[in-house]
Amino acid sequence: DGRLLMTEAYVKAAGGCSAPAVKDPQEAMA
């Protein structure tokens, strides 16, 4: 019916958007 309901959680972490990939790039592309 168009209502917006929100919930939230606070997370302590840093650097996730710039962290290097876990897998080797060649393996990932394969």
PDB file of all heavy atoms in Angstrom:
ATOM      1  N   ASP A   1       0.809  -1.218   0.000  1.00  0.00           N
ATOM      2  CA  ASP A   1       0.000   0.000   0.000  1.00  0.00           C
ATOM      3  C   ASP A   1       0.847   1.275   0.000  1.00  0.00           C
ATOM      4  O   ASP A   1       0.333   2.376   0.214  1.00  0.00           O
ATOM      5  CB  ASP A   1      -0.970   0.007   1.192  1.00  0.00           C
ATOM      6  CG  ASP A   1      -0.256  -0.068   2.542  1.00  0.00           C
ATOM      7  OD1 ASP A   1       0.991  -0.085   2.562  1.00  0.00           O
ATOM      8  OD2 ASP A   1      -0.946  -0.124   3.577  1.00  0.00           O
ATOM      9  N   GLY A   2       2.175   1.132  -0.237  1.00  0.00           N
ATOM     10  CA  GLY A   2       3.016   2.308  -0.442  1.00  0.00           C
ATOM     11  C   GLY A   2       3.687   2.876   0.791  1.00  0.00           C
ATOM     12  O   GLY A   2       4.395   3.889   0.690  1.00  0.00           O
ATOM     13  N   ARG A   3       3.547   2.257   1.958  1.00  0.00           N
ATOM     14  CA  ARG A   3       4.245   2.732   3.153  1.00  0.00           C
ATOM     15  C   ARG A   3       5.712   2.324   3.083  1.00  0.00           C
ATOM     16  O   ARG A   3       6.056   1.293   2.512  1.00  0.00           O
ATOM     17  CB  ARG A   3       3.617   2.155   4.420  1.00  0.00           C
ATOM     18  CG  ARG A   3       2.200   2.598   4.690  1.00  0.00           C
ATOM     19  CD  ARG A   3       1.555   1.705   5.724  1.00  0.00           C
ATOM     20  NE  ARG A   3       2.269   1.755   7.005  1.00  0.00           N
ATOM     21  CZ  ARG A   3       2.302   0.738   7.874  1.00  0.00           C
ATOM     22  NH1 ARG A   3       1.689  -0.411   7.598  1.00  0.00           N
ATOM     23  NH2 ARG A   3       2.949   0.854   9.016  1.00  0.00           N
ATOM     24  N   LEU A   4       6.576   3.143   3.692  1.00  0.00           N
ATOM     25  CA  LEU A   4       7.996   2.831   3.782  1.00  0.00           C
ATOM     26  C   LEU A   4       8.345   2.545   5.238  1.00  0.00           C
ATOM     27  O   LEU A   4       8.079   3.371   6.122  1.00  0.00           O
ATOM     28  CB  LEU A   4       8.847   3.996   3.262  1.00  0.00           C
ATOM     29  CG  LEU A   4       8.712   4.330   1.779  1.00  0.00           C
ATOM     30  CD1 LEU A   4       9.590   5.542   1.431  1.00  0.00           C
ATOM     31  CD2 LEU A   4       9.093   3.143   0.903  1.00  0.00           C
ATOM     32  N   LEU A   5       8.942   1.381   5.490  1.00  0.00           N
ATOM     33  CA  LEU A   5       9.326   0.966   6.833  1.00  0.00           C
ATOM     34  C   LEU A   5      10.825   0.739   6.867  1.00  0.00           C
ATOM     35  O   LEU A   5      11.379   0.090   5.970  1.00  0.00           O
ATOM     36  CB  LEU A   5       8.599  -0.324   7.226  1.00  0.00           C
ATOM     37  CG  LEU A   5       7.078  -0.327   7.116  1.00  0.00           C
ATOM     38  CD1 LEU A   5       6.532  -1.718   7.456  1.00  0.00           C
ATOM     39  CD2 LEU A   5       6.473   0.716   8.046  1.00  0.00           C
ATOM     40  N   MET A   6      11.502   1.250   7.897  1.00  0.00           N
ATOM     41  CA  MET A   6      12.961   1.168   7.951  1.00  0.00           C
ATOM     42  C   MET A   6      13.458   0.551   9.244  1.00  0.00           C
ATOM     43  O   MET A   6      12.922   0.784  10.320  1.00  0.00           O
ATOM     44  CB  MET A   6      13.575   2.562   7.803  1.00  0.00           C
ATOM     45  CG  MET A   6      15.097   2.564   7.800  1.00  0.00           C
ATOM     46  SD  MET A   6      15.790   4.239   7.710  1.00  0.00           S
ATOM     47  CE  MET A   6      15.469   4.828   9.385  1.00  0.00           C
ATOM     48  N   THR A   7      14.525  -0.245   9.097  1.00  0.00           N
ATOM     49  CA  THR A   7      15.271  -0.742  10.244  1.00  0.00           C
ATOM     50  C   THR A   7      16.754  -0.580   9.935  1.00  0.00           C
ATOM     51  O   THR A   7      17.134  -0.429   8.771  1.00  0.00           O
ATOM     52  CB  THR A   7      14.917  -2.211  10.548  1.00  0.00           C
ATOM     53  OG1 THR A   7      15.565  -2.618  11.754  1.00  0.00           O
ATOM     54  CG2 THR A   7      15.358  -3.126   9.417  1.00  0.00           C
ATOM     55  N   GLU A   8      17.591  -0.597  10.961  1.00  0.00           N
ATOM     56  CA  GLU A   8      19.021  -0.334  10.738  1.00  0.00           C
ATOM     57  C   GLU A   8      19.887  -1.106  11.719  1.00  0.00           C
ATOM     58  O   GLU A   8      19.423  -1.569  12.768  1.00  0.00           O
ATOM     59  CB  GLU A   8      19.309   1.160  10.867  1.00  0.00           C
ATOM     60  CG  GLU A   8      19.049   1.702  12.260  1.00  0.00           C
ATOM     61  CD  GLU A   8      19.044   3.215  12.312  1.00  0.00           C
ATOM     62  OE1 GLU A   8      18.132   3.833  11.733  1.00  0.00           O
ATOM     63  OE2 GLU A   8      19.959   3.774  12.958  1.00  0.00           O
ATOM     64  N   ALA A   9      21.165  -1.222  11.360  1.00  0.00           N
ATOM     65  CA  ALA A   9      22.172  -1.830  12.234  1.00  0.00           C
ATOM     66  C   ALA A   9      23.468  -1.055  12.048  1.00  0.00           C
ATOM     67  O   ALA A   9      23.780  -0.625  10.933  1.00  0.00           O
ATOM     68  CB  ALA A   9      22.373  -3.302  11.892  1.00  0.00           C
ATOM     69  N   TYR A  10      24.210  -0.887  13.130  1.00  0.00           N
ATOM     70  CA  TYR A  10      25.484  -0.164  13.057  1.00  0.00           C
ATOM     71  C   TYR A  10      26.614  -1.177  12.904  1.00  0.00           C
ATOM     72  O   TYR A  10      26.710  -2.134  13.679  1.00  0.00           O
ATOM     73  CB  TYR A  10      25.702   0.682  14.310  1.00  0.00           C
ATOM     74  CG  TYR A  10      26.819   1.696  14.167  1.00  0.00           C
ATOM     75  CD1 TYR A  10      26.612   2.886  13.474  1.00  0.00           C
ATOM     76  CD2 TYR A  10      28.079   1.465  14.714  1.00  0.00           C
ATOM     77  CE1 TYR A  10      27.625   3.814  13.331  1.00  0.00           C
ATOM     78  CE2 TYR A  10      29.101   2.394  14.576  1.00  0.00           C
ATOM     79  CZ  TYR A  10      28.861   3.570  13.885  1.00  0.00           C
ATOM     80  OH  TYR A  10      29.881   4.490  13.740  1.00  0.00           O
ATOM     81  N   VAL A  11      27.443  -0.988  11.878  1.00  0.00           N
ATOM     82  CA  VAL A  11      28.539  -1.914  11.585  1.00  0.00           C
ATOM     83  C   VAL A  11      29.872  -1.192  11.697  1.00  0.00           C
ATOM     84  O   VAL A  11      30.061  -0.124  11.097  1.00  0.00           O
ATOM     85  CB  VAL A  11      28.390  -2.516  10.170  1.00  0.00           C
ATOM     86  CG1 VAL A  11      29.581  -3.413   9.846  1.00  0.00           C
ATOM     87  CG2 VAL A  11      27.096  -3.314  10.072  1.00  0.00           C
ATOM     88  N   LYS A  12      30.790  -1.792  12.459  1.00  0.00           N
ATOM     89  CA  LYS A  12      32.139  -1.250  12.578  1.00  0.00           C
ATOM     90  C   LYS A  12      33.062  -1.995  11.617  1.00  0.00           C
ATOM     91  O   LYS A  12      33.399  -3.157  11.835  1.00  0.00           O
ATOM     92  CB  LYS A  12      32.635  -1.381  14.019  1.00  0.00           C
ATOM     93  CG  LYS A  12      31.822  -0.562  15.025  1.00  0.00           C
ATOM     94  CD  LYS A  12      32.346  -0.718  16.450  1.00  0.00           C
ATOM     95  CE  LYS A  12      31.547   0.127  17.420  1.00  0.00           C
ATOM     96  NZ  LYS A  12      32.056  -0.013  18.816  1.00  0.00           N
ATOM     97  N   ALA A  13      33.430  -1.335  10.549  1.00  0.00           N
ATOM     98  CA  ALA A  13      34.319  -1.907   9.537  1.00  0.00           C
ATOM     99  C   ALA A  13      34.856  -0.745   8.716  1.00  0.00           C
ATOM    100  O   ALA A  13      34.277   0.342   8.707  1.00  0.00           O
ATOM    101  CB  ALA A  13      33.592  -2.900   8.645  1.00  0.00           C
ATOM    102  N   ALA A  14      35.965  -0.966   8.019  1.00  0.00           N
ATOM    103  CA  ALA A  14      36.552   0.115   7.224  1.00  0.00           C
ATOM    104  C   ALA A  14      37.357  -0.460   6.069  1.00  0.00           C
ATOM    105  O   ALA A  14      37.980  -1.521   6.189  1.00  0.00           O
ATOM    106  CB  ALA A  14      37.447   0.999   8.103  1.00  0.00           C
ATOM    107  N   GLY A  15      37.344   0.267   4.944  1.00  0.00           N
ATOM    108  CA  GLY A  15      38.184  -0.081   3.804  1.00  0.00           C
ATOM    109  C   GLY A  15      37.599  -1.092   2.847  1.00  0.00           C
ATOM    110  O   GLY A  15      38.269  -1.525   1.908  1.00  0.00           O
ATOM    111  N   GLY A  16      36.338  -1.464   3.019  1.00  0.00           N
ATOM    112  CA  GLY A  16      35.761  -2.520   2.198  1.00  0.00           C
ATOM    113  C   GLY A  16      35.627  -2.177   0.725  1.00  0.00           C
ATOM    114  O   GLY A  16      35.726  -3.057  -0.129  1.00  0.00           O
ATOM    115  N   CYS A  17      35.409  -0.902   0.409  1.00  0.00           N
ATOM    116  CA  CYS A  17      35.205  -0.528  -0.998  1.00  0.00           C
ATOM    117  C   CYS A  17      36.511  -0.472  -1.788  1.00  0.00           C
ATOM    118  O   CYS A  17      36.496  -0.565  -3.017  1.00  0.00           O
ATOM    119  CB  CYS A  17      34.481   0.815  -1.093  1.00  0.00           C
ATOM    120  SG  CYS A  17      32.778   0.736  -0.500  1.00  0.00           S
ATOM    121  N   SER A  18      37.627  -0.315  -1.105  1.00  0.00           N
ATOM    122  CA  SER A  18      38.923  -0.254  -1.791  1.00  0.00           C
ATOM    123  C   SER A  18      39.771  -1.497  -1.545  1.00  0.00           C
ATOM    124  O   SER A  18      40.896  -1.591  -2.049  1.00  0.00           O
ATOM    125  CB  SER A  18      39.702   0.984  -1.332  1.00  0.00           C
ATOM    126  OG  SER A  18      39.906   0.966   0.073  1.00  0.00           O
ATOM    127  N   ALA A  19      39.245  -2.461  -0.798  1.00  0.00           N
ATOM    128  CA  ALA A  19      39.999  -3.682  -0.495  1.00  0.00           C
ATOM    129  C   ALA A  19      40.260  -4.478  -1.774  1.00  0.00           C
ATOM    130  O   ALA A  19      39.387  -4.587  -2.631  1.00  0.00           O
ATOM    131  CB  ALA A  19      39.233  -4.540   0.503  1.00  0.00           C
ATOM    132  N   PRO A  20      41.462  -5.034  -1.938  1.00  0.00           N
ATOM    133  CA  PRO A  20      41.757  -5.820  -3.139  1.00  0.00           C
ATOM    134  C   PRO A  20      40.901  -7.080  -3.196  1.00  0.00           C
ATOM    135  O   PRO A  20      40.449  -7.595  -2.176  1.00  0.00           O
ATOM    136  CB  PRO A  20      43.237  -6.168  -2.981  1.00  0.00           C
ATOM    137  CG  PRO A  20      43.507  -6.073  -1.508  1.00  0.00           C
ATOM    138  CD  PRO A  20      42.607  -4.985  -1.009  1.00  0.00           C
ATOM    139  N   ALA A  21      40.673  -7.563  -4.408  1.00  0.00           N
ATOM    140  CA  ALA A  21      39.877  -8.772  -4.591  1.00  0.00           C
ATOM    141  C   ALA A  21      40.572  -9.963  -3.948  1.00  0.00           C
ATOM    142  O   ALA A  21      41.802 -10.026  -3.875  1.00  0.00           O
ATOM    143  CB  ALA A  21      39.656  -9.023  -6.076  1.00  0.00           C
ATOM    144  N   VAL A  22      39.775 -10.916  -3.487  1.00  0.00           N
ATOM    145  CA  VAL A  22      40.321 -12.122  -2.866  1.00  0.00           C
ATOM    146  C   VAL A  22      40.955 -13.024  -3.917  1.00  0.00           C
ATOM    147  O   VAL A  22      42.031 -13.574  -3.719  1.00  0.00           O
ATOM    148  CB  VAL A  22      39.209 -12.877  -2.106  1.00  0.00           C
ATOM    149  CG1 VAL A  22      39.729 -14.205  -1.581  1.00  0.00           C
ATOM    150  CG2 VAL A  22      38.675 -12.015  -0.966  1.00  0.00           C
ATOM    151  N   LYS A  23      40.293 -13.154  -5.067  1.00  0.00           N
ATOM    152  CA  LYS A  23      40.764 -14.068  -6.104  1.00  0.00           C
ATOM    153  C   LYS A  23      41.795 -13.400  -7.004  1.00  0.00           C
ATOM    154  O   LYS A  23      41.808 -12.179  -7.189  1.00  0.00           O
ATOM    155  CB  LYS A  23      39.583 -14.549  -6.945  1.00  0.00           C
ATOM    156  CG  LYS A  23      38.649 -15.490  -6.211  1.00  0.00           C
ATOM    157  CD  LYS A  23      37.531 -15.948  -7.118  1.00  0.00           C
ATOM    158  CE  LYS A  23      36.606 -16.929  -6.402  1.00  0.00           C
ATOM    159  NZ  LYS A  23      35.446 -17.306  -7.220  1.00  0.00           N
ATOM    160  N   ASP A  24      42.649 -14.237  -7.583  1.00  0.00           N
ATOM    161  CA  ASP A  24      43.590 -13.773  -8.596  1.00  0.00           C
ATOM    162  C   ASP A  24      42.797 -13.230  -9.784  1.00  0.00           C
ATOM    163  O   ASP A  24      41.810 -13.836 -10.208  1.00  0.00           O
ATOM    164  CB  ASP A  24      44.466 -14.948  -9.034  1.00  0.00           C
ATOM    165  CG  ASP A  24      45.374 -14.571 -10.182  1.00  0.00           C
ATOM    166  OD1 ASP A  24      46.453 -14.034  -9.910  1.00  0.00           O
ATOM    167  OD2 ASP A  24      44.992 -14.817 -11.349  1.00  0.00           O
ATOM    168  N   PRO A  25      43.210 -12.064 -10.351  1.00  0.00           N
ATOM    169  CA  PRO A  25      42.443 -11.460 -11.450  1.00  0.00           C
ATOM    170  C   PRO A  25      42.223 -12.399 -12.636  1.00  0.00           C
ATOM    171  O   PRO A  25      41.136 -12.424 -13.214  1.00  0.00           O
ATOM    172  CB  PRO A  25      43.297 -10.249 -11.845  1.00  0.00           C
ATOM    173  CG  PRO A  25      44.046  -9.900 -10.603  1.00  0.00           C
ATOM    174  CD  PRO A  25      44.333 -11.211  -9.930  1.00  0.00           C
ATOM    175  N   GLN A  26      43.252 -13.173 -13.008  1.00  0.00           N
ATOM    176  CA  GLN A  26      43.101 -14.078 -14.137  1.00  0.00           C
ATOM    177  C   GLN A  26      42.099 -15.188 -13.819  1.00  0.00           C
ATOM    178  O   GLN A  26      41.274 -15.570 -14.667  1.00  0.00           O
ATOM    179  CB  GLN A  26      44.457 -14.673 -14.524  1.00  0.00           C
ATOM    180  CG  GLN A  26      45.410 -13.655 -15.141  1.00  0.00           C
ATOM    181  CD  GLN A  26      46.709 -14.284 -15.614  1.00  0.00           C
ATOM    182  OE1 GLN A  26      47.078 -15.380 -15.191  1.00  0.00           O
ATOM    183  NE2 GLN A  26      47.415 -13.586 -16.496  1.00  0.00           N
ATOM    184  N   GLU A  27      42.158 -15.701 -12.603  1.00  0.00           N
ATOM    185  CA  GLU A  27      41.203 -16.727 -12.195  1.00  0.00           C
ATOM    186  C   GLU A  27      39.792 -16.159 -12.179  1.00  0.00           C
ATOM    187  O   GLU A  27      38.832 -16.810 -12.622  1.00  0.00           O
ATOM    188  CB  GLU A  27      41.557 -17.255 -10.798  1.00  0.00           C
ATOM    189  CG  GLU A  27      40.567 -18.291 -10.268  1.00  0.00           C
ATOM    190  CD  GLU A  27      40.784 -18.619  -8.801  1.00  0.00           C
ATOM    191  OE1 GLU A  27      41.786 -18.148  -8.235  1.00  0.00           O
ATOM    192  OE2 GLU A  27      39.934 -19.331  -8.236  1.00  0.00           O
ATOM    193  N   ALA A  28      39.661 -14.932 -11.686  1.00  0.00           N
ATOM    194  CA  ALA A  28      38.346 -14.305 -11.615  1.00  0.00           C
ATOM    195  C   ALA A  28      37.738 -14.127 -13.003  1.00  0.00           C
ATOM    196  O   ALA A  28      36.547 -14.395 -13.204  1.00  0.00           O
ATOM    197  CB  ALA A  28      38.451 -12.959 -10.905  1.00  0.00           C
ATOM    198  N   MET A  29      38.552 -13.697 -13.966  1.00  0.00           N
ATOM    199  CA  MET A  29      38.033 -13.495 -15.319  1.00  0.00           C
ATOM    200  C   MET A  29      37.716 -14.824 -15.999  1.00  0.00           C
ATOM    201  O   MET A  29      36.789 -14.917 -16.803  1.00  0.00           O
ATOM    202  CB  MET A  29      39.032 -12.695 -16.148  1.00  0.00           C
ATOM    203  CG  MET A  29      39.207 -11.256 -15.679  1.00  0.00           C
ATOM    204  SD  MET A  29      37.636 -10.348 -15.492  1.00  0.00           S
ATOM    205  CE  MET A  29      37.078 -10.291 -17.198  1.00  0.00           C
ATOM    206  N   ALA A  30      38.471 -15.863 -15.672  1.00  0.00           N
ATOM    207  CA  ALA A  30      38.203 -17.178 -16.255  1.00  0.00           C
ATOM    208  C   ALA A  30      36.862 -17.731 -15.776  1.00  0.00           C
ATOM    209  O   ALA A  30      36.205 -18.497 -16.496  1.00  0.00           O
ATOM    210  CB  ALA A  30      39.323 -18.144 -15.905  1.00  0.00           C
TER     211      ALA A  30
END
